[in-house]
């Protein structure tokens, strides 16, 4: 586990992992969202949410965002189509 976001109104806990993508814990069930589902990176070390309900995540491949509603409704297939911001390597 590398990052946790717990401020969802419905009690959902979002967990970023080192290699396992993004996990959603809701009502005792865990949903795993990875690059196979379209997530930009399987390493999620930070999670922030903006005023437009987008999760901004930091991974080894850069900064990327996914609208939280896509993840909540489990329409996360091809979620990589969301805006991505890559940072140049140092």
N, C-alpha and C. Protein backbone atom coordinates (compact mmCIF):
# COMPACT_ATOMS: atom_id res chain seq x y z
N UNK A 1 0.85 -1.17 0.00
CA UNK A 1 0.00 0.00 0.00
C UNK A 1 0.89 1.23 0.00
N UNK A 2 0.57 2.19 -0.87
CA UNK A 2 1.40 3.38 -0.95
C UNK A 2 0.61 4.68 -0.79
N UNK A 3 -0.70 4.65 -1.00
CA UNK A 3 -1.51 5.85 -0.86
C UNK A 3 -2.93 5.45 -0.50
N UNK A 4 -3.58 6.29 0.31
CA UNK A 4 -4.98 6.03 0.68
C UNK A 4 -5.76 7.34 0.54
N UNK A 5 -6.94 7.24 -0.05
CA UNK A 5 -7.87 8.37 -0.11
C UNK A 5 -9.17 7.89 0.54
N UNK A 6 -9.59 8.56 1.61
CA UNK A 6 -10.74 8.07 2.37
C UNK A 6 -11.85 9.10 2.51
N UNK A 7 -11.83 10.16 1.75
CA UNK A 7 -12.78 11.24 1.94
C UNK A 7 -14.04 11.10 1.10
N UNK A 8 -14.34 9.92 0.59
CA UNK A 8 -15.56 9.71 -0.17
C UNK A 8 -16.78 9.76 0.75
N UNK A 9 -17.83 10.42 0.30
CA UNK A 9 -19.03 10.56 1.11
C UNK A 9 -19.70 9.23 1.40
N UNK A 10 -19.53 8.23 0.51
CA UNK A 10 -20.19 6.94 0.70
C UNK A 10 -19.34 5.95 1.50
N UNK A 11 -18.19 6.40 2.00
CA UNK A 11 -17.36 5.52 2.82
C UNK A 11 -16.37 4.68 2.03
N UNK A 12 -16.30 4.87 0.72
CA UNK A 12 -15.35 4.12 -0.10
C UNK A 12 -13.93 4.51 0.28
N UNK A 13 -13.06 3.52 0.36
CA UNK A 13 -11.63 3.75 0.61
C UNK A 13 -10.89 3.37 -0.66
N UNK A 14 -10.07 4.29 -1.16
CA UNK A 14 -9.27 4.08 -2.36
C UNK A 14 -7.84 3.86 -1.92
N UNK A 15 -7.21 2.80 -2.43
CA UNK A 15 -5.87 2.41 -2.00
C UNK A 15 -4.97 2.30 -3.21
N UNK A 16 -3.92 3.11 -3.23
CA UNK A 16 -2.90 3.01 -4.27
C UNK A 16 -1.86 1.99 -3.85
N UNK A 17 -1.32 1.26 -4.81
CA UNK A 17 -0.37 0.20 -4.49
C UNK A 17 0.89 0.32 -5.33
N UNK A 18 1.93 -0.38 -4.92
CA UNK A 18 3.15 -0.50 -5.70
C UNK A 18 3.06 -1.76 -6.55
N UNK A 19 2.49 -1.64 -7.72
CA UNK A 19 2.42 -2.76 -8.65
C UNK A 19 1.05 -3.37 -8.80
N UNK A 20 0.10 -3.04 -7.91
CA UNK A 20 -1.23 -3.61 -7.99
C UNK A 20 -2.29 -2.63 -8.44
N UNK A 21 -1.88 -1.45 -8.91
CA UNK A 21 -2.83 -0.47 -9.39
C UNK A 21 -3.58 0.23 -8.28
N UNK A 22 -4.84 0.49 -8.53
CA UNK A 22 -5.72 1.18 -7.60
C UNK A 22 -6.76 0.19 -7.10
N UNK A 23 -6.95 0.15 -5.79
CA UNK A 23 -7.96 -0.73 -5.20
C UNK A 23 -9.06 0.10 -4.58
N UNK A 24 -10.30 -0.36 -4.74
CA UNK A 24 -11.45 0.30 -4.15
C UNK A 24 -12.06 -0.63 -3.12
N UNK A 25 -12.14 -0.18 -1.87
CA UNK A 25 -12.78 -0.95 -0.80
C UNK A 25 -14.11 -0.29 -0.48
N UNK A 26 -15.18 -1.02 -0.73
CA UNK A 26 -16.52 -0.49 -0.50
C UNK A 26 -17.43 -1.62 -0.03
N UNK A 27 -18.11 -1.39 1.07
CA UNK A 27 -19.05 -2.37 1.61
C UNK A 27 -18.42 -3.75 1.79
N UNK A 28 -17.14 -3.78 2.17
CA UNK A 28 -16.46 -5.04 2.41
C UNK A 28 -15.95 -5.74 1.17
N UNK A 29 -16.14 -5.13 -0.01
CA UNK A 29 -15.67 -5.72 -1.27
C UNK A 29 -14.51 -4.91 -1.83
N UNK A 30 -13.52 -5.59 -2.39
CA UNK A 30 -12.38 -4.92 -3.01
C UNK A 30 -12.45 -5.10 -4.52
N UNK A 31 -12.31 -3.99 -5.22
CA UNK A 31 -12.21 -3.99 -6.67
C UNK A 31 -10.81 -3.56 -7.04
N UNK A 32 -10.12 -4.33 -7.88
CA UNK A 32 -8.77 -4.03 -8.32
C UNK A 32 -8.84 -3.40 -9.70
N UNK A 33 -8.22 -2.25 -9.87
CA UNK A 33 -8.18 -1.56 -11.15
C UNK A 33 -6.71 -1.42 -11.53
N UNK A 34 -6.33 -2.01 -12.66
CA UNK A 34 -4.93 -2.06 -13.06
C UNK A 34 -4.77 -1.58 -14.51
N UNK A 35 -3.56 -1.67 -15.01
CA UNK A 35 -3.31 -1.30 -16.41
C UNK A 35 -4.09 -2.20 -17.36
N UNK A 36 -4.41 -3.41 -16.95
CA UNK A 36 -5.22 -4.29 -17.80
C UNK A 36 -6.62 -3.73 -17.99
N UNK A 37 -7.06 -2.87 -17.04
CA UNK A 37 -8.36 -2.22 -17.12
C UNK A 37 -8.26 -0.85 -17.77
N UNK A 38 -7.05 -0.44 -18.13
CA UNK A 38 -6.84 0.85 -18.76
C UNK A 38 -6.20 1.90 -17.86
N UNK A 39 -5.92 1.57 -16.60
CA UNK A 39 -5.24 2.51 -15.73
C UNK A 39 -3.86 2.80 -16.31
N UNK A 40 -3.39 4.03 -16.18
CA UNK A 40 -2.14 4.44 -16.81
C UNK A 40 -0.91 3.79 -16.20
N UNK A 41 -0.95 3.46 -14.92
CA UNK A 41 0.22 2.88 -14.23
C UNK A 41 -0.28 1.98 -13.11
N UNK A 42 0.41 0.87 -12.86
CA UNK A 42 0.06 -0.01 -11.75
C UNK A 42 0.69 0.42 -10.43
N UNK A 43 1.53 1.45 -10.49
CA UNK A 43 2.09 2.02 -9.26
C UNK A 43 1.37 3.33 -9.00
N UNK A 44 0.70 3.43 -7.86
CA UNK A 44 -0.03 4.63 -7.47
C UNK A 44 0.48 5.03 -6.09
N UNK A 45 1.33 6.07 -6.06
CA UNK A 45 1.95 6.45 -4.80
C UNK A 45 1.29 7.66 -4.14
N UNK A 46 0.46 8.40 -4.86
CA UNK A 46 -0.30 9.52 -4.30
C UNK A 46 -1.65 9.59 -4.98
N UNK A 47 -2.67 10.01 -4.22
CA UNK A 47 -4.02 10.19 -4.76
C UNK A 47 -4.56 11.52 -4.23
N UNK A 48 -4.98 12.39 -5.14
CA UNK A 48 -5.65 13.64 -4.79
C UNK A 48 -6.91 13.74 -5.63
N UNK A 49 -7.91 14.47 -5.14
CA UNK A 49 -9.13 14.68 -5.92
C UNK A 49 -9.30 16.18 -6.14
N UNK A 50 -9.76 16.56 -7.35
CA UNK A 50 -9.97 17.97 -7.64
C UNK A 50 -11.45 18.33 -7.57
N UNK A 51 -11.77 19.59 -7.84
CA UNK A 51 -13.15 20.07 -7.74
C UNK A 51 -14.07 19.48 -8.80
N UNK A 52 -13.50 18.87 -9.85
CA UNK A 52 -14.29 18.25 -10.90
C UNK A 52 -14.45 16.75 -10.70
N UNK A 53 -14.10 16.27 -9.50
CA UNK A 53 -14.25 14.86 -9.13
C UNK A 53 -13.30 13.94 -9.90
N UNK A 54 -12.14 14.46 -10.25
CA UNK A 54 -11.09 13.65 -10.89
C UNK A 54 -10.08 13.23 -9.84
N UNK A 55 -9.67 11.99 -9.90
CA UNK A 55 -8.53 11.54 -9.10
C UNK A 55 -7.26 11.86 -9.88
N UNK A 56 -6.34 12.55 -9.26
CA UNK A 56 -5.01 12.77 -9.81
C UNK A 56 -4.09 11.85 -9.05
N UNK A 57 -3.37 11.02 -9.80
CA UNK A 57 -2.51 10.02 -9.18
C UNK A 57 -1.09 10.15 -9.68
N UNK A 58 -0.17 9.82 -8.81
CA UNK A 58 1.25 9.83 -9.15
C UNK A 58 1.72 8.40 -9.22
N UNK A 59 2.39 8.06 -10.30
CA UNK A 59 2.97 6.73 -10.48
C UNK A 59 4.36 6.84 -11.05
N UNK A 60 4.99 5.74 -11.33
CA UNK A 60 6.33 5.76 -11.91
C UNK A 60 6.35 6.33 -13.32
N UNK A 61 5.23 6.26 -14.02
CA UNK A 61 5.16 6.74 -15.40
C UNK A 61 4.74 8.20 -15.49
N UNK A 62 4.43 8.84 -14.37
CA UNK A 62 4.05 10.25 -14.38
C UNK A 62 2.79 10.50 -13.59
N UNK A 63 2.22 11.67 -13.82
CA UNK A 63 0.98 12.08 -13.18
C UNK A 63 -0.16 11.79 -14.15
N UNK A 64 -1.25 11.22 -13.63
CA UNK A 64 -2.39 10.92 -14.50
C UNK A 64 -3.68 11.12 -13.73
N UNK A 65 -4.76 11.29 -14.46
CA UNK A 65 -6.05 11.51 -13.81
C UNK A 65 -7.12 10.62 -14.43
N UNK A 66 -8.10 10.30 -13.60
CA UNK A 66 -9.26 9.52 -14.02
C UNK A 66 -10.45 10.09 -13.26
N UNK A 67 -11.56 10.29 -13.94
CA UNK A 67 -12.75 10.77 -13.26
C UNK A 67 -13.24 9.71 -12.28
N UNK A 68 -13.47 10.11 -11.05
CA UNK A 68 -13.85 9.18 -10.00
C UNK A 68 -15.16 8.46 -10.31
N UNK A 69 -16.09 9.12 -10.98
CA UNK A 69 -17.37 8.48 -11.29
C UNK A 69 -17.19 7.28 -12.22
N UNK A 70 -16.21 7.34 -13.12
CA UNK A 70 -15.93 6.19 -13.98
C UNK A 70 -15.49 5.01 -13.13
N UNK A 71 -14.68 5.27 -12.11
CA UNK A 71 -14.21 4.18 -11.25
C UNK A 71 -15.33 3.66 -10.34
N UNK A 72 -16.18 4.55 -9.85
CA UNK A 72 -17.26 4.15 -8.94
C UNK A 72 -18.29 3.28 -9.66
N UNK A 73 -18.63 3.63 -10.89
CA UNK A 73 -19.67 2.89 -11.61
C UNK A 73 -19.12 1.66 -12.30
N UNK A 74 -17.83 1.38 -12.06
CA UNK A 74 -17.16 0.22 -12.62
C UNK A 74 -17.13 0.24 -14.14
N UNK A 75 -17.21 1.43 -14.71
CA UNK A 75 -17.00 1.58 -16.13
C UNK A 75 -15.55 1.96 -16.35
N UNK A 76 -14.64 1.30 -15.63
CA UNK A 76 -13.24 1.70 -15.67
C UNK A 76 -12.47 1.07 -16.83
N UNK A 77 -13.09 0.24 -17.62
CA UNK A 77 -12.39 -0.28 -18.80
C UNK A 77 -12.02 0.90 -19.69
N UNK A 78 -10.81 0.88 -20.16
CA UNK A 78 -10.29 1.95 -21.01
C UNK A 78 -10.28 3.31 -20.32
N UNK A 79 -10.09 3.33 -19.01
CA UNK A 79 -10.05 4.59 -18.29
C UNK A 79 -8.79 5.38 -18.63
N UNK A 80 -7.84 4.78 -19.33
CA UNK A 80 -6.62 5.49 -19.72
C UNK A 80 -6.92 6.59 -20.73
N UNK A 81 -8.11 6.63 -21.28
CA UNK A 81 -8.46 7.68 -22.22
C UNK A 81 -8.59 9.03 -21.53
N UNK A 82 -8.61 9.04 -20.21
CA UNK A 82 -8.66 10.28 -19.46
C UNK A 82 -7.35 11.03 -19.60
N UNK A 83 -7.38 12.29 -19.26
CA UNK A 83 -6.21 13.15 -19.39
C UNK A 83 -5.02 12.60 -18.61
N UNK A 84 -3.85 12.65 -19.24
CA UNK A 84 -2.62 12.22 -18.60
C UNK A 84 -1.60 13.33 -18.71
N UNK A 85 -0.82 13.50 -17.69
CA UNK A 85 0.27 14.46 -17.71
C UNK A 85 1.54 13.71 -17.38
N UNK A 86 2.45 13.62 -18.33
CA UNK A 86 3.71 12.94 -18.10
C UNK A 86 4.77 13.96 -17.77
N UNK A 87 5.58 13.64 -16.81
CA UNK A 87 6.69 14.50 -16.44
C UNK A 87 7.96 13.97 -17.06
N UNK A 88 8.84 14.85 -17.49
CA UNK A 88 10.12 14.36 -18.04
C UNK A 88 10.95 13.70 -16.96
N UNK A 89 11.71 12.70 -17.36
CA UNK A 89 12.58 12.00 -16.40
C UNK A 89 13.72 12.92 -16.00
N UNK A 90 14.17 12.78 -14.76
CA UNK A 90 15.28 13.61 -14.26
C UNK A 90 16.58 12.94 -14.57
